[in-house]
Amino acid sequence: MANIKSAKKRISVISKKTAANKRVKSHLKSIIKNFDKAIAEKSFDVAAEKLALAEKKFMQAAAKGTIHKHAASRKVSRLTKALNKAKAE
């Protein structure tokens, strides 16, 4: 445990930021699950809405620094490819 006041503050701040980041990442995972569920049910209109939401949320998370911007773009790209592939079948 830290003894210096500034170190104690950093521990507190880091724990708050970690909690916020976990919340955002958990939300992103649930968005992906909902998208996958819509694809599995072959409801492409719903899946397109979920994709738009996913893109927005991923880019927001990247802007805040929760995830890297390239990781966000990669995940959105993969979701888009999944939707296009499902539509083609």
C-alpha atoms as a PDB file:
ATOM      1  CA  MET A   1       0.000   0.000   0.000  1.00  0.00           C
ATOM      2  CA  ALA A   2       1.188   3.488  -0.847  1.00  0.00           C
ATOM      3  CA  ASN A   3       2.314   5.852   1.915  1.00  0.00           C
ATOM      4  CA  ILE A   4       2.683   9.065  -0.071  1.00  0.00           C
ATOM      5  CA  LYS A   5      -0.449  11.161  -0.513  1.00  0.00           C
ATOM      6  CA  SER A   6      -0.048  11.601  -4.276  1.00  0.00           C
ATOM      7  CA  ALA A   7       0.446   7.844  -4.732  1.00  0.00           C
ATOM      8  CA  LYS A   8      -2.734   7.169  -2.745  1.00  0.00           C
ATOM      9  CA  LYS A   9      -4.590   9.627  -4.981  1.00  0.00           C
ATOM     10  CA  ARG A  10      -3.253   7.933  -8.126  1.00  0.00           C
ATOM     11  CA  ILE A  11      -4.498   4.569  -6.849  1.00  0.00           C
ATOM     12  CA  SER A  12      -7.947   6.068  -6.332  1.00  0.00           C
ATOM     13  CA  VAL A  13      -7.996   7.758  -9.742  1.00  0.00           C
ATOM     14  CA  ILE A  14      -6.753   4.636 -11.533  1.00  0.00           C
ATOM     15  CA  SER A  15      -9.422   2.474  -9.885  1.00  0.00           C
ATOM     16  CA  LYS A  16     -12.144   4.906 -11.049  1.00  0.00           C
ATOM     17  CA  LYS A  17     -10.788   4.956 -14.608  1.00  0.00           C
ATOM     18  CA  THR A  18     -10.480   1.162 -14.625  1.00  0.00           C
ATOM     19  CA  ALA A  19     -14.114   0.841 -13.569  1.00  0.00           C
ATOM     20  CA  ALA A  20     -15.221   3.239 -16.313  1.00  0.00           C
ATOM     21  CA  ASN A  21     -13.195   1.381 -18.945  1.00  0.00           C
ATOM     22  CA  LYS A  22     -14.611  -1.981 -17.827  1.00  0.00           C
ATOM     23  CA  ARG A  23     -18.125  -0.578 -18.094  1.00  0.00           C
ATOM     24  CA  VAL A  24     -17.507   0.641 -21.651  1.00  0.00           C
ATOM     25  CA  LYS A  25     -15.826  -2.607 -22.758  1.00  0.00           C
ATOM     26  CA  SER A  26     -18.648  -4.669 -21.277  1.00  0.00           C
ATOM     27  CA  HIS A  27     -21.180  -2.511 -23.142  1.00  0.00           C
ATOM     28  CA  LEU A  28     -19.259  -3.019 -26.397  1.00  0.00           C
ATOM     29  CA  LYS A  29     -19.287  -6.792 -25.895  1.00  0.00           C
ATOM     30  CA  SER A  30     -23.056  -6.776 -25.344  1.00  0.00           C
ATOM     31  CA  ILE A  31     -23.534  -4.725 -28.529  1.00  0.00           C
ATOM     32  CA  ILE A  32     -21.527  -7.328 -30.470  1.00  0.00           C
ATOM     33  CA  LYS A  33     -23.604 -10.127 -28.926  1.00  0.00           C
ATOM     34  CA  ASN A  34     -26.832  -8.402 -29.980  1.00  0.00           C
ATOM     35  CA  PHE A  35     -25.463  -7.946 -33.503  1.00  0.00           C
ATOM     36  CA  ASP A  36     -24.462 -11.630 -33.729  1.00  0.00           C
ATOM     37  CA  LYS A  37     -27.893 -12.648 -32.459  1.00  0.00           C
ATOM     38  CA  ALA A  38     -29.590 -10.545 -35.144  1.00  0.00           C
ATOM     39  CA  ILE A  39     -27.368 -12.126 -37.814  1.00  0.00           C
ATOM     40  CA  ALA A  40     -28.161 -15.618 -36.519  1.00  0.00           C
ATOM     41  CA  GLU A  41     -31.900 -14.877 -36.706  1.00  0.00           C
ATOM     42  CA  LYS A  42     -31.408 -13.513 -40.258  1.00  0.00           C
ATOM     43  CA  SER A  43     -33.063 -10.211 -39.361  1.00  0.00           C
ATOM     44  CA  PHE A  44     -30.818  -7.997 -41.454  1.00  0.00           C
ATOM     45  CA  ASP A  45     -32.654  -4.728 -40.803  1.00  0.00           C
ATOM     46  CA  VAL A  46     -32.104  -5.128 -37.064  1.00  0.00           C
ATOM     47  CA  ALA A  47     -28.506  -6.202 -37.688  1.00  0.00           C
ATOM     48  CA  ALA A  48     -27.898  -3.053 -39.763  1.00  0.00           C
ATOM     49  CA  GLU A  49     -29.228  -0.910 -36.899  1.00  0.00           C
ATOM     50  CA  LYS A  50     -27.006  -2.790 -34.448  1.00  0.00           C
ATOM     51  CA  LEU A  51     -24.036  -2.264 -36.772  1.00  0.00           C
ATOM     52  CA  ALA A  52     -24.632   1.491 -36.865  1.00  0.00           C
ATOM     53  CA  LEU A  53     -24.853   1.564 -33.074  1.00  0.00           C
ATOM     54  CA  ALA A  54     -21.715  -0.569 -32.772  1.00  0.00           C
ATOM     55  CA  GLU A  55     -19.758   1.728 -35.077  1.00  0.00           C
ATOM     56  CA  LYS A  56     -20.813   4.788 -33.103  1.00  0.00           C
ATOM     57  CA  LYS A  57     -19.957   3.248 -29.733  1.00  0.00           C
ATOM     58  CA  PHE A  58     -16.631   1.807 -30.916  1.00  0.00           C
ATOM     59  CA  MET A  59     -15.539   5.172 -32.279  1.00  0.00           C
ATOM     60  CA  GLN A  60     -16.590   6.900 -29.059  1.00  0.00           C
ATOM     61  CA  ALA A  61     -14.562   4.395 -27.031  1.00  0.00           C
ATOM     62  CA  ALA A  62     -11.582   4.959 -29.328  1.00  0.00           C
ATOM     63  CA  ALA A  63     -11.900   8.733 -28.994  1.00  0.00           C
ATOM     64  CA  LYS A  64     -11.863   8.432 -25.201  1.00  0.00           C
ATOM     65  CA  GLY A  65      -8.828   6.142 -25.314  1.00  0.00           C
ATOM     66  CA  THR A  66     -10.613   3.120 -23.874  1.00  0.00           C
ATOM     67  CA  ILE A  67      -9.614   1.078 -26.921  1.00  0.00           C
ATOM     68  CA  HIS A  68      -7.169   1.861 -29.725  1.00  0.00           C
ATOM     69  CA  LYS A  69      -8.588   3.542 -32.812  1.00  0.00           C
ATOM     70  CA  HIS A  70      -7.225   0.812 -35.104  1.00  0.00           C
ATOM     71  CA  ALA A  71      -8.819  -1.868 -32.911  1.00  0.00           C
ATOM     72  CA  ALA A  72     -12.150  -0.049 -33.148  1.00  0.00           C
ATOM     73  CA  SER A  73     -11.888   0.214 -36.925  1.00  0.00           C
ATOM     74  CA  ARG A  74     -10.891  -3.444 -37.225  1.00  0.00           C
ATOM     75  CA  LYS A  75     -13.858  -4.622 -35.162  1.00  0.00           C
ATOM     76  CA  VAL A  76     -16.330  -2.454 -37.104  1.00  0.00           C
ATOM     77  CA  SER A  77     -14.862  -3.741 -40.365  1.00  0.00           C
ATOM     78  CA  ARG A  78     -15.274  -7.352 -39.265  1.00  0.00           C
ATOM     79  CA  LEU A  79     -18.875  -6.740 -38.222  1.00  0.00           C
ATOM     80  CA  THR A  80     -19.599  -5.111 -41.587  1.00  0.00           C
ATOM     81  CA  LYS A  81     -18.045  -8.026 -43.446  1.00  0.00           C
ATOM     82  CA  ALA A  82     -20.131 -10.451 -41.364  1.00  0.00           C
ATOM     83  CA  LEU A  83     -23.335  -8.583 -42.244  1.00  0.00           C
ATOM     84  CA  ASN A  84     -22.495  -8.455 -45.954  1.00  0.00           C
ATOM     85  CA  LYS A  85     -21.607 -12.151 -46.002  1.00  0.00           C
ATOM     86  CA  ALA A  86     -24.854 -13.071 -44.240  1.00  0.00           C
ATOM     87  CA  LYS A  87     -26.885 -10.984 -46.697  1.00  0.00           C
ATOM     88  CA  ALA A  88     -25.176 -12.654 -49.656  1.00  0.00           C
ATOM     89  CA  GLU A  89     -26.113 -16.139 -48.468  1.00  0.00           C
END
